[in-house]
Amino acid sequence: MIGAEAHDSKPAFIGRLPTVIGLVFGVLILTLLIVSCGKDQPKTIDDKYQGWSKYTYGHFIFYLSPSTPYAGNKPDLARGYERFLTEICAMLEMPVPDGEISLYVYANQQEVQRITGRAVPFSTDSAIHWAGDRRYGYQLTKFLLDRKGIKPGQFHVVYEGLANLLDFSSKDYHDLTAALVVSGSFVDLSDLASNAVFDTLPPDIQQCESASLVGYLLYSYDLDRVTRLSSSLGSWEESLEAVLGTKPAELEKNWLDFAREKRGGPETPPPPDTSKY
């Protein structure tokens, strides 16, 4: 099931990423329980989405392809997303947005291309388009960053790192980054800071290194400085000096020391297995 119970726990998201937000904001979630029940709605969907189902719950209106496996468990998907919304907003230090968010759930990339002519995930001012190819929180985080007025700047590694860190994948990105160093597959921070390099890296390296980096930055600095760095249009060296007061080599060393320190720490309960959907 997607909608897991939140864990009452000492804040520990920086140390172990698997249940990042659930651990940090477990108590908060208990005070923000869902006040609306999910329900299927009459099919008033655009002609392009004929045959799709419509389901409302909390802040979301879900539109589901009949071919997506999530169509068979709409209540669970909806409860999960409502929880993700609350926890990501808390992490981003912003209120839950007013109004409803439309979430289109496609069966696969081919269906997305046929209907929209685009690749998922992507979002607009009021809607998120998703096909299960990225974890639940990835595009939702980008949607909320946009609502908060935070746009991607010169360094995709930081902006993507925020979305990957809050993706609810259950992956320990510090551990994975430390493993890349051991295997010799680690991509240096100077290369990560170049969009020409970062954008062409394998997705798994993009995800784990960017998420681990941002996890370290949030631990060592604060959200405001991380988002300022994410939106910066200056050079990497100038931006680090101006925003963080550090140099690239020092930042990389401290980050990797942090990742190694956190590697192999006590495990936290993983989120429920959703592979059956």
Protein backbone atom coordinates (compact mmCIF):
# COMPACT_ATOMS: atom_id res chain seq x y z
CA MET A 1 0.00 0.00 0.00
CA ILE A 2 1.12 3.51 -0.72
CA GLY A 3 -0.44 5.32 2.19
CA ALA A 4 1.83 4.25 5.03
CA GLU A 5 1.37 5.31 8.62
CA ALA A 6 3.76 8.09 9.55
CA HIS A 7 6.49 7.18 12.02
CA ASP A 8 6.87 9.07 15.29
CA SER A 9 10.60 9.48 15.39
CA LYS A 10 13.43 11.82 16.17
CA PRO A 11 14.16 14.01 13.11
CA ALA A 12 16.70 12.05 11.08
CA PHE A 13 16.10 12.69 7.41
CA ILE A 14 19.63 13.83 6.71
CA GLY A 15 21.15 10.69 8.11
CA ARG A 16 18.99 8.06 6.42
CA LEU A 17 17.03 8.92 3.31
CA PRO A 18 14.63 5.92 2.95
CA THR A 19 11.75 7.47 4.91
CA VAL A 20 13.02 11.01 4.85
CA ILE A 21 9.91 13.05 5.31
CA GLY A 22 7.95 10.50 7.30
CA LEU A 23 10.65 10.52 9.95
CA VAL A 24 11.04 14.28 10.13
CA PHE A 25 7.38 15.18 10.14
CA GLY A 26 5.68 12.13 11.60
CA VAL A 27 4.12 14.05 14.45
CA LEU A 28 3.01 16.84 12.13
CA ILE A 29 1.10 14.43 9.94
CA LEU A 30 -0.98 13.26 12.87
CA THR A 31 -2.38 16.79 13.13
CA LEU A 32 -3.08 17.08 9.42
CA LEU A 33 -5.32 14.08 8.82
CA ILE A 34 -7.38 13.99 5.67
CA VAL A 35 -10.70 15.73 6.01
CA SER A 36 -12.32 14.47 2.83
CA CYS A 37 -13.19 11.02 1.60
CA GLY A 38 -12.23 9.86 -1.84
CA LYS A 39 -14.91 9.34 -4.42
CA ASP A 40 -15.31 8.51 -8.06
CA GLN A 41 -16.65 11.36 -10.13
CA PRO A 42 -18.77 11.61 -13.28
CA LYS A 43 -16.57 11.45 -16.34
CA THR A 44 -16.27 15.07 -17.39
CA ILE A 45 -12.85 14.63 -18.95
CA ASP A 46 -11.46 16.09 -22.15
CA ASP A 47 -12.09 13.98 -25.28
CA LYS A 48 -8.40 13.01 -25.32
CA TYR A 49 -8.99 11.14 -22.06
CA GLN A 50 -12.07 9.16 -23.02
CA GLY A 51 -12.35 5.98 -20.96
CA TRP A 52 -10.31 7.40 -18.10
CA SER A 53 -11.65 7.45 -14.54
CA LYS A 54 -11.85 10.49 -12.30
CA TYR A 55 -11.34 10.29 -8.55
CA THR A 56 -11.17 13.09 -5.97
CA TYR A 57 -9.52 12.99 -2.57
CA GLY A 58 -8.20 15.77 -0.36
CA HIS A 59 -6.37 18.33 -2.49
CA PHE A 60 -6.24 16.12 -5.59
CA ILE A 61 -8.32 15.26 -8.60
CA PHE A 62 -6.94 12.06 -10.11
CA TYR A 63 -7.44 11.17 -13.76
CA LEU A 64 -6.39 7.59 -14.39
CA SER A 65 -5.83 5.72 -17.60
CA PRO A 66 -7.76 2.44 -17.70
CA SER A 67 -4.45 0.76 -18.53
CA THR A 68 -2.47 1.99 -15.54
CA PRO A 69 -2.19 -0.51 -12.68
CA TYR A 70 -2.95 2.34 -10.26
CA ALA A 71 -6.53 2.48 -11.56
CA GLY A 72 -7.24 -0.64 -9.51
CA ASN A 73 -6.27 0.96 -6.21
CA LYS A 74 -7.30 4.59 -6.40
CA PRO A 75 -8.01 5.10 -2.66
CA ASP A 76 -4.55 3.93 -1.67
CA LEU A 77 -2.84 6.07 -4.31
CA ALA A 78 -4.89 9.08 -3.23
CA ARG A 79 -4.13 8.70 0.48
CA GLY A 80 -0.46 8.32 -0.32
CA TYR A 81 -0.33 11.47 -2.43
CA GLU A 82 -2.19 13.51 0.15
CA ARG A 83 0.40 12.47 2.70
CA PHE A 84 3.27 13.24 0.32
CA LEU A 85 1.82 16.69 -0.34
CA THR A 86 1.65 17.54 3.35
CA GLU A 87 5.12 16.26 4.14
CA ILE A 88 6.86 17.86 1.15
CA CYS A 89 5.21 21.21 1.91
CA ALA A 90 6.47 20.96 5.48
CA MET A 91 9.97 20.19 4.24
CA LEU A 92 9.83 23.13 1.81
CA GLU A 93 8.54 25.39 4.59
CA MET A 94 5.40 26.37 2.71
CA PRO A 95 1.66 26.00 3.31
CA VAL A 96 -0.27 23.37 1.43
CA PRO A 97 -1.51 25.18 -1.70
CA ASP A 98 -5.11 26.30 -1.90
CA GLY A 99 -7.28 24.78 -4.59
CA GLU A 100 -7.16 21.39 -6.23
CA ILE A 101 -4.26 19.73 -8.01
CA SER A 102 -5.03 17.60 -11.05
CA LEU A 103 -2.87 14.48 -11.32
CA TYR A 104 -2.96 12.58 -14.62
CA VAL A 105 -1.76 8.99 -14.27
CA TYR A 106 -0.78 7.42 -17.60
CA ALA A 107 -0.05 3.78 -18.36
CA ASN A 108 3.32 4.42 -19.98
CA GLN A 109 5.42 6.88 -21.96
CA GLN A 110 3.81 5.85 -25.23
CA GLU A 111 0.38 6.87 -23.97
CA VAL A 112 1.74 10.19 -22.77
CA GLN A 113 3.35 10.92 -26.13
CA ARG A 114 0.16 10.02 -27.99
CA ILE A 115 -2.06 12.25 -25.85
CA THR A 116 0.18 15.19 -24.95
CA GLY A 117 3.13 15.02 -27.33
CA ARG A 118 5.44 15.33 -24.35
CA ALA A 119 7.48 13.10 -22.07
CA VAL A 120 6.55 12.61 -18.43
CA PRO A 121 6.84 13.59 -15.77
CA PHE A 122 5.92 17.21 -16.32
CA SER A 123 3.61 19.71 -14.70
CA THR A 124 1.67 22.88 -15.47
CA ASP A 125 0.34 25.56 -13.14
CA SER A 126 -2.45 23.30 -11.91
CA ALA A 127 -1.69 19.75 -13.05
CA ILE A 128 0.92 17.01 -12.78
CA HIS A 129 1.36 14.38 -15.49
CA TRP A 130 2.91 11.10 -14.35
CA ALA A 131 3.29 7.53 -15.60
CA GLY A 132 5.02 5.83 -12.69
CA ASP A 133 8.42 6.25 -14.36
CA ARG A 134 9.61 8.48 -11.53
CA ARG A 135 8.85 7.96 -7.87
CA TYR A 136 5.80 9.57 -6.32
CA GLY A 137 7.30 12.73 -4.88
CA TYR A 138 9.64 13.73 -7.70
CA GLN A 139 7.33 15.80 -9.91
CA LEU A 140 5.15 16.82 -6.98
CA THR A 141 8.22 18.44 -5.41
CA LYS A 142 8.93 20.32 -8.65
CA PHE A 143 5.29 21.41 -8.81
CA LEU A 144 5.52 22.76 -5.26
CA LEU A 145 8.88 24.45 -5.86
CA ASP A 146 7.25 26.30 -8.73
CA ARG A 147 4.33 27.31 -6.48
CA LYS A 148 6.90 28.63 -4.00
CA GLY A 149 8.50 30.67 -6.77
CA ILE A 150 11.71 28.64 -6.94
CA LYS A 151 12.84 28.14 -10.52
CA PRO A 152 15.77 26.07 -11.80
CA GLY A 153 18.87 28.16 -12.29
CA GLN A 154 22.35 27.45 -13.52
CA PHE A 155 22.87 24.20 -11.58
CA HIS A 156 20.48 21.38 -12.39
CA VAL A 157 22.22 19.16 -9.84
CA VAL A 158 20.82 21.22 -6.95
CA TYR A 159 17.29 21.67 -8.33
CA GLU A 160 17.05 18.01 -9.35
CA GLY A 161 18.59 17.04 -6.04
CA LEU A 162 15.69 18.58 -4.15
CA ALA A 163 13.17 16.63 -6.26
CA ASN A 164 15.14 13.39 -5.97
CA LEU A 165 15.69 13.76 -2.24
CA LEU A 166 11.94 14.11 -1.66
CA ASP A 167 10.87 11.40 -4.11
CA PHE A 168 9.72 8.81 -1.53
CA SER A 169 11.76 6.12 -3.25
CA SER A 170 12.99 4.53 0.02
CA LYS A 171 16.54 4.60 -1.39
CA ASP A 172 19.45 5.56 0.85
CA TYR A 173 21.16 8.04 -1.44
CA HIS A 174 24.09 8.65 0.93
CA ASP A 175 24.86 4.94 0.93
CA LEU A 176 24.58 4.75 -2.85
CA THR A 177 26.87 7.74 -3.30
CA ALA A 178 29.49 6.27 -0.98
CA ALA A 179 29.27 3.03 -2.96
CA LEU A 180 29.94 4.95 -6.19
CA VAL A 181 33.13 6.32 -4.66
CA VAL A 182 34.26 2.82 -3.68
CA SER A 183 33.48 1.43 -7.13
CA GLY A 184 35.25 4.27 -8.94
CA SER A 185 32.01 5.38 -10.64
CA PHE A 186 31.58 8.59 -8.67
CA VAL A 187 31.19 11.75 -10.78
CA ASP A 188 33.15 14.68 -9.34
CA LEU A 189 31.23 17.67 -8.05
CA SER A 190 32.88 19.95 -10.60
CA ASP A 191 31.33 17.81 -13.35
CA LEU A 192 27.96 17.60 -11.60
CA ALA A 193 27.84 21.39 -11.54
CA SER A 194 28.03 21.45 -15.34
CA ASN A 195 24.57 20.93 -16.84
CA ALA A 196 26.20 19.67 -20.03
CA VAL A 197 27.62 16.79 -17.98
CA PHE A 198 24.89 16.31 -15.39
CA ASP A 199 22.05 16.12 -17.92
CA THR A 200 23.76 13.29 -19.80
CA LEU A 201 24.57 11.11 -16.78
CA PRO A 202 22.75 7.80 -16.24
CA PRO A 203 19.55 8.45 -14.25
CA ASP A 204 20.66 6.39 -11.26
CA ILE A 205 23.84 8.44 -10.87
CA GLN A 206 21.93 11.69 -11.33
CA GLN A 207 19.44 10.67 -8.68
CA CYS A 208 21.73 9.35 -5.96
CA GLU A 209 24.49 11.97 -6.21
CA SER A 210 22.17 14.97 -6.50
CA ALA A 211 19.93 13.77 -3.66
CA SER A 212 22.88 12.99 -1.39
CA LEU A 213 24.45 16.37 -2.14
CA VAL A 214 21.26 18.26 -1.31
CA GLY A 215 20.73 16.15 1.81
CA TYR A 216 24.18 17.22 2.98
CA LEU A 217 23.52 20.87 2.08
CA LEU A 218 20.25 20.93 4.03
CA TYR A 219 21.98 19.37 7.01
CA SER A 220 24.92 21.78 6.95
CA TYR A 221 23.19 25.00 5.86
CA ASP A 222 19.43 25.62 5.46
CA LEU A 223 16.64 25.50 2.92
CA ASP A 224 16.94 29.18 2.01
CA ARG A 225 20.57 28.88 0.99
CA VAL A 226 19.96 25.61 -0.87
CA THR A 227 17.16 27.18 -2.91
CA ARG A 228 19.26 30.29 -3.54
CA LEU A 229 22.04 28.06 -4.85
CA SER A 230 19.52 26.14 -6.95
CA SER A 231 18.29 29.38 -8.55
CA SER A 232 21.70 30.99 -8.96
CA LEU A 233 22.74 32.19 -12.41
CA GLY A 234 26.39 32.86 -11.56
CA SER A 235 29.36 30.55 -11.96
CA TRP A 236 29.69 27.52 -9.66
CA GLU A 237 32.68 28.94 -7.80
CA GLU A 238 31.13 32.39 -7.39
CA SER A 239 27.80 30.97 -6.28
CA LEU A 240 29.33 28.67 -3.67
CA GLU A 241 31.35 31.53 -2.25
CA ALA A 242 28.43 33.97 -2.22
CA VAL A 243 25.72 31.60 -0.97
CA LEU A 244 27.56 29.04 1.15
CA GLY A 245 30.87 30.71 1.87
CA THR A 246 32.84 27.68 0.70
CA LYS A 247 34.92 26.45 -2.23
CA PRO A 248 34.16 23.52 -4.57
CA ALA A 249 36.94 21.23 -3.31
CA GLU A 250 36.03 21.86 0.33
CA LEU A 251 32.34 21.25 -0.36
CA GLU A 252 33.01 17.95 -2.14
CA LYS A 253 35.26 16.70 0.65
CA ASN A 254 32.77 17.57 3.38
CA TRP A 255 29.88 16.09 1.41
CA LEU A 256 31.63 12.76 0.82
CA ASP A 257 32.80 12.59 4.43
CA PHE A 258 29.17 13.05 5.42
CA ALA A 259 27.96 10.35 3.00
CA ARG A 260 30.56 7.89 4.29
CA GLU A 261 29.64 8.67 7.89
CA LYS A 262 25.96 8.03 7.23
CA ARG A 263 26.60 4.84 5.27
CA GLY A 264 25.57 1.73 7.14
CA GLY A 265 23.71 3.55 9.89
CA PRO A 266 20.63 2.05 11.58
CA GLU A 267 17.92 1.20 9.08
CA THR A 268 14.53 2.85 9.24
CA PRO A 269 11.32 1.05 8.29
CA PRO A 270 10.90 1.14 4.48
CA PRO A 271 7.67 2.37 2.91
CA PRO A 272 5.17 -0.29 1.83
CA ASP A 273 5.88 -2.39 -1.22
CA THR A 274 3.99 -0.96 -4.19
CA SER A 275 5.47 -3.24 -6.84
CA LYS A 276 2.19 -5.15 -7.07
CA TYR A 277 0.37 -2.15 -8.55
